């Protein structure tokens, strides 16, 4: 039997495929945290029967009502900042409002947040610092350097690495993946996106977290079993999971 792994970030865009993906993952001893981000995904993950988060991503309307906290909900998000696709003061204001209201929901519910950040390092850092959430959370699919990772770690956040770490041009991320302390590292697929090498270009699935886990274990010079135990323990601590 494979050692238990937790895919801490997968998306279910289509409700009809959820149970097939969950069964496939379970057959490989992979448990998942299904992540919301818009109304459709929030609905899908809440109905999935697995651990899940609900929230609205950086592109969402900040006036949308937040979904009610439900059983099996282990976090809020994904939420955060992305200035790759849109820039300017209006985008900044909308994304800040979106972040602030969801951070407050997480504070009241004492749930961790799942943070998306792209080309928004300083805004993300300042928002997380100002929020000062007691449950902190995780920076998902991290792609940054060691100095920014150190700042996020100092705020108490976990850092999750996706299949991007296997890509040919991801040398900086590989150095960061080796740097992250043992008690703060998480892994994810971000499926159906970001399939790891040698599956790149295909639709990603939660079961593929094993490929990324094995790659990072080798990168860090530890056994697959030790790496699985480490990241599973971290996920349970971050999201208050009962394994």
Protein backbone atom coordinates (compact mmCIF):
# COMPACT_ATOMS: atom_id res chain seq x y z
CA UNK A 1 0.00 0.00 0.00
CA UNK A 2 1.21 3.47 -0.83
CA UNK A 3 1.78 5.84 2.11
CA UNK A 4 -1.05 8.33 2.58
CA UNK A 5 -0.76 11.59 0.65
CA UNK A 6 -3.09 14.58 0.71
CA UNK A 7 -3.67 16.62 -2.41
CA UNK A 8 -4.33 19.92 -0.67
CA UNK A 9 -5.65 21.72 -3.74
CA UNK A 10 -7.74 20.29 -6.56
CA UNK A 11 -10.67 21.73 -8.49
CA UNK A 12 -13.80 19.98 -9.70
CA UNK A 13 -15.05 21.87 -12.72
CA UNK A 14 -17.54 19.17 -13.71
CA UNK A 15 -19.77 17.52 -11.12
CA UNK A 16 -20.13 14.35 -13.20
CA UNK A 17 -16.44 13.41 -12.83
CA UNK A 18 -16.02 14.03 -9.10
CA UNK A 19 -16.73 10.56 -7.74
CA UNK A 20 -14.59 8.89 -10.42
CA UNK A 21 -11.63 11.12 -9.54
CA UNK A 22 -12.10 10.59 -5.81
CA UNK A 23 -12.29 6.81 -6.21
CA UNK A 24 -9.17 6.79 -8.39
CA UNK A 25 -7.31 8.86 -5.80
CA UNK A 26 -8.45 6.68 -2.92
CA UNK A 27 -7.25 3.56 -4.73
CA UNK A 28 -3.76 5.08 -4.59
CA UNK A 29 -4.22 6.14 -0.93
CA UNK A 30 -4.59 9.82 -1.84
CA UNK A 31 -7.09 11.97 0.01
CA UNK A 32 -8.06 15.38 -1.32
CA UNK A 33 -9.11 18.85 -0.30
CA UNK A 34 -11.41 20.16 -3.03
CA UNK A 35 -11.13 23.89 -3.57
CA UNK A 36 -13.85 26.36 -4.48
CA UNK A 37 -13.30 29.71 -6.14
CA UNK A 38 -16.53 30.57 -7.90
CA UNK A 39 -20.21 29.73 -7.49
CA UNK A 40 -20.04 26.57 -9.65
CA UNK A 41 -16.96 25.12 -7.96
CA UNK A 42 -18.26 26.05 -4.49
CA UNK A 43 -21.40 24.06 -5.24
CA UNK A 44 -19.44 21.11 -6.66
CA UNK A 45 -17.02 20.79 -3.77
CA UNK A 46 -19.71 21.18 -1.12
CA UNK A 47 -21.56 18.24 -2.69
CA UNK A 48 -18.46 16.09 -3.19
CA UNK A 49 -18.39 14.42 0.22
CA UNK A 50 -14.71 15.15 0.72
CA UNK A 51 -12.94 17.91 2.66
CA UNK A 52 -13.41 21.22 0.87
CA UNK A 53 -13.05 24.98 0.95
CA UNK A 54 -15.42 27.63 -0.36
CA UNK A 55 -14.65 31.14 -1.49
CA UNK A 56 -14.16 33.45 -4.46
CA UNK A 57 -11.02 33.89 -6.51
CA UNK A 58 -9.30 37.13 -7.42
CA UNK A 59 -11.51 37.74 -10.47
CA UNK A 60 -14.84 37.50 -8.65
CA UNK A 61 -17.38 40.21 -7.87
CA UNK A 62 -16.74 41.25 -4.24
CA UNK A 63 -20.48 41.79 -3.66
CA UNK A 64 -21.36 38.12 -4.14
CA UNK A 65 -22.72 36.63 -0.91
CA UNK A 66 -20.36 34.25 0.83
CA UNK A 67 -21.59 30.65 1.07
CA UNK A 68 -22.65 29.37 4.47
CA UNK A 69 -19.98 27.47 6.43
CA UNK A 70 -20.81 23.77 6.08
CA UNK A 71 -19.73 20.47 7.65
CA UNK A 72 -16.52 19.15 6.07
CA UNK A 73 -15.49 22.71 5.16
CA UNK A 74 -11.87 23.03 6.25
CA UNK A 75 -10.93 26.42 4.83
CA UNK A 76 -11.92 29.58 2.97
CA UNK A 77 -10.82 30.20 -0.60
CA UNK A 78 -9.24 30.18 -2.85
CA UNK A 79 -8.83 33.93 -2.60
CA UNK A 80 -6.03 36.38 -3.24
CA UNK A 81 -4.40 38.57 -5.83
CA UNK A 82 -3.49 38.23 -9.50
CA UNK A 83 -2.09 41.07 -11.59
CA UNK A 84 -1.08 38.95 -14.55
CA UNK A 85 -4.39 39.33 -16.37
CA UNK A 86 -5.51 42.71 -15.04
CA UNK A 87 -3.77 45.74 -13.63
CA UNK A 88 -4.58 49.23 -12.42
CA UNK A 89 -6.27 50.88 -9.44
CA UNK A 90 -9.73 49.44 -10.11
CA UNK A 91 -8.40 45.88 -10.18
CA UNK A 92 -6.41 46.49 -7.02
CA UNK A 93 -9.41 47.93 -5.19
CA UNK A 94 -11.72 45.07 -6.23
CA UNK A 95 -9.24 42.38 -5.34
CA UNK A 96 -8.48 43.99 -1.98
CA UNK A 97 -12.20 44.14 -1.13
CA UNK A 98 -12.61 40.53 -2.19
CA UNK A 99 -9.71 39.46 0.01
CA UNK A 100 -10.71 41.48 3.06
CA UNK A 101 -14.27 40.22 3.30
CA UNK A 102 -13.21 36.59 2.91
CA UNK A 103 -10.42 36.97 5.44
CA UNK A 104 -13.01 38.21 7.90
CA UNK A 105 -15.19 35.15 7.25
CA UNK A 106 -12.16 32.95 7.93
CA UNK A 107 -11.40 34.87 11.13
CA UNK A 108 -14.92 34.45 12.48
CA UNK A 109 -15.05 30.76 11.54
CA UNK A 110 -11.45 30.15 12.70
CA UNK A 111 -10.63 28.50 9.38
CA UNK A 112 -7.39 28.74 7.38
CA UNK A 113 -7.35 30.54 4.04
CA UNK A 114 -6.11 29.24 0.69
CA UNK A 115 -4.19 32.02 -1.02
CA UNK A 116 -3.59 32.58 -4.73
CA UNK A 117 -0.88 35.07 -5.64
CA UNK A 118 0.51 35.86 -9.09
CA UNK A 119 2.64 38.89 -9.90
CA UNK A 120 1.36 40.36 -6.65
CA UNK A 121 4.02 39.61 -4.04
CA UNK A 122 3.97 42.86 -2.09
CA UNK A 123 0.19 43.30 -2.17
CA UNK A 124 -0.26 39.71 -1.01
CA UNK A 125 2.28 40.07 1.78
CA UNK A 126 0.82 43.33 3.06
CA UNK A 127 -2.73 41.95 2.97
CA UNK A 128 -1.75 38.83 4.89
CA UNK A 129 0.23 40.86 7.39
CA UNK A 130 -2.65 43.29 7.95
CA UNK A 131 -5.19 40.48 8.30
CA UNK A 132 -3.11 38.74 10.99
CA UNK A 133 -5.39 35.70 10.91
CA UNK A 134 -5.03 33.35 13.87
CA UNK A 135 -5.46 30.23 11.70
CA UNK A 136 -3.23 31.56 8.87
CA UNK A 137 -3.42 29.12 5.93
CA UNK A 138 -1.51 28.14 2.80
CA UNK A 139 -0.01 29.86 -0.21
CA UNK A 140 -1.07 27.49 -2.95
CA UNK A 141 0.92 26.49 -6.05
CA UNK A 142 3.83 28.65 -4.96
CA UNK A 143 6.14 29.72 -7.78
CA UNK A 144 8.27 32.36 -6.06
CA UNK A 145 11.78 32.65 -4.74
CA UNK A 146 13.27 31.94 -1.32
CA UNK A 147 13.21 35.54 0.01
CA UNK A 148 9.45 35.89 -0.56
CA UNK A 149 8.87 32.39 0.83
CA UNK A 150 10.77 33.41 3.97
CA UNK A 151 8.48 36.42 4.47
CA UNK A 152 5.37 34.24 4.14
CA UNK A 153 6.78 31.64 6.49
CA UNK A 154 7.50 34.36 9.04
CA UNK A 155 3.79 35.23 8.97
CA UNK A 156 2.99 31.60 9.83
CA UNK A 157 1.81 30.38 6.43
CA UNK A 158 2.34 26.99 4.85
CA UNK A 159 3.63 26.80 1.29
CA UNK A 160 2.23 24.31 -1.21
CA UNK A 161 4.12 23.09 -4.27
CA UNK A 162 2.38 21.85 -7.42
CA UNK A 163 3.55 20.00 -10.51
CA UNK A 164 5.17 23.20 -11.78
CA UNK A 165 8.23 22.14 -9.79
CA UNK A 166 8.82 19.38 -12.38
CA UNK A 167 8.84 21.77 -15.35
CA UNK A 168 12.13 22.28 -17.18
CA UNK A 169 12.36 26.02 -16.51
CA UNK A 170 11.43 25.85 -12.79
CA UNK A 171 14.93 25.87 -11.30
CA UNK A 172 14.15 28.74 -8.90
CA UNK A 173 11.10 26.90 -7.61
CA UNK A 174 13.13 23.73 -7.12
CA UNK A 175 15.52 25.68 -4.90
CA UNK A 176 12.56 27.02 -2.94
CA UNK A 177 11.10 23.53 -2.59
CA UNK A 178 14.36 22.39 -1.01
CA UNK A 179 14.38 25.41 1.33
CA UNK A 180 10.88 25.21 2.83
CA UNK A 181 11.06 23.84 6.40
CA UNK A 182 9.83 20.30 7.00
CA UNK A 183 6.87 21.48 9.09
CA UNK A 184 5.54 23.98 6.50
CA UNK A 185 5.59 22.14 3.18
CA UNK A 186 2.39 20.98 1.46
CA UNK A 187 1.79 19.42 -1.95
CA UNK A 188 -1.02 19.75 -4.46
CA UNK A 189 -2.09 19.12 -8.03
CA UNK A 190 -4.21 22.24 -8.73
CA UNK A 191 -6.01 19.80 -11.03
CA UNK A 192 -7.33 19.85 -13.68
CA UNK A 193 -4.42 22.20 -14.37
CA UNK A 194 -0.62 21.91 -14.12
CA UNK A 195 -0.08 18.21 -14.74
CA UNK A 196 3.49 17.31 -13.76
CA UNK A 197 6.14 15.98 -16.11
CA UNK A 198 5.85 13.41 -17.73
CA UNK A 199 2.09 14.07 -17.88
CA UNK A 200 2.36 17.73 -18.84
CA UNK A 201 -0.24 18.75 -21.39
CA UNK A 202 -2.79 16.24 -20.16
CA UNK A 203 -5.77 16.91 -17.89
CA UNK A 204 -4.46 16.71 -14.33
CA UNK A 205 -6.14 14.57 -11.65
CA UNK A 206 -5.69 14.34 -7.87
CA UNK A 207 -4.01 10.92 -8.13
CA UNK A 208 -1.10 12.62 -9.91
CA UNK A 209 -0.02 14.26 -6.66
CA UNK A 210 2.08 11.11 -6.23
CA UNK A 211 4.25 12.13 -9.19
CA UNK A 212 4.96 15.54 -7.67
CA UNK A 213 5.53 14.06 -4.21
CA UNK A 214 8.07 11.57 -5.51
CA UNK A 215 9.87 14.32 -7.42
CA UNK A 216 10.17 16.63 -4.42
CA UNK A 217 11.18 13.77 -2.12
CA UNK A 218 14.11 13.01 -4.43
CA UNK A 219 14.90 16.72 -4.68
CA UNK A 220 15.08 17.02 -0.89
CA UNK A 221 16.97 13.76 -0.49
CA UNK A 222 14.41 11.95 1.62
CA UNK A 223 12.48 8.72 1.19
CA UNK A 224 9.03 8.65 -0.39
CA UNK A 225 7.56 7.32 2.84
CA UNK A 226 9.16 10.02 4.98
CA UNK A 227 8.06 12.74 2.58
CA UNK A 228 4.49 11.43 2.54
CA UNK A 229 4.36 11.29 6.34
CA UNK A 230 5.76 14.82 6.61
CA UNK A 231 3.39 16.50 4.15
CA UNK A 232 0.35 14.55 5.37
CA UNK A 233 1.07 15.62 8.95
CA UNK A 234 1.44 19.22 7.80
CA UNK A 235 -1.86 19.14 5.90
CA UNK A 236 -3.65 17.69 8.91
CA UNK A 237 -2.22 20.43 11.13
CA UNK A 238 -2.94 23.28 8.71
CA UNK A 239 -6.53 22.26 7.95
CA UNK A 240 -7.33 20.56 11.29
CA UNK A 241 -8.09 17.26 9.57
CA UNK A 242 -9.04 14.04 11.31
CA UNK A 243 -7.14 11.33 9.44
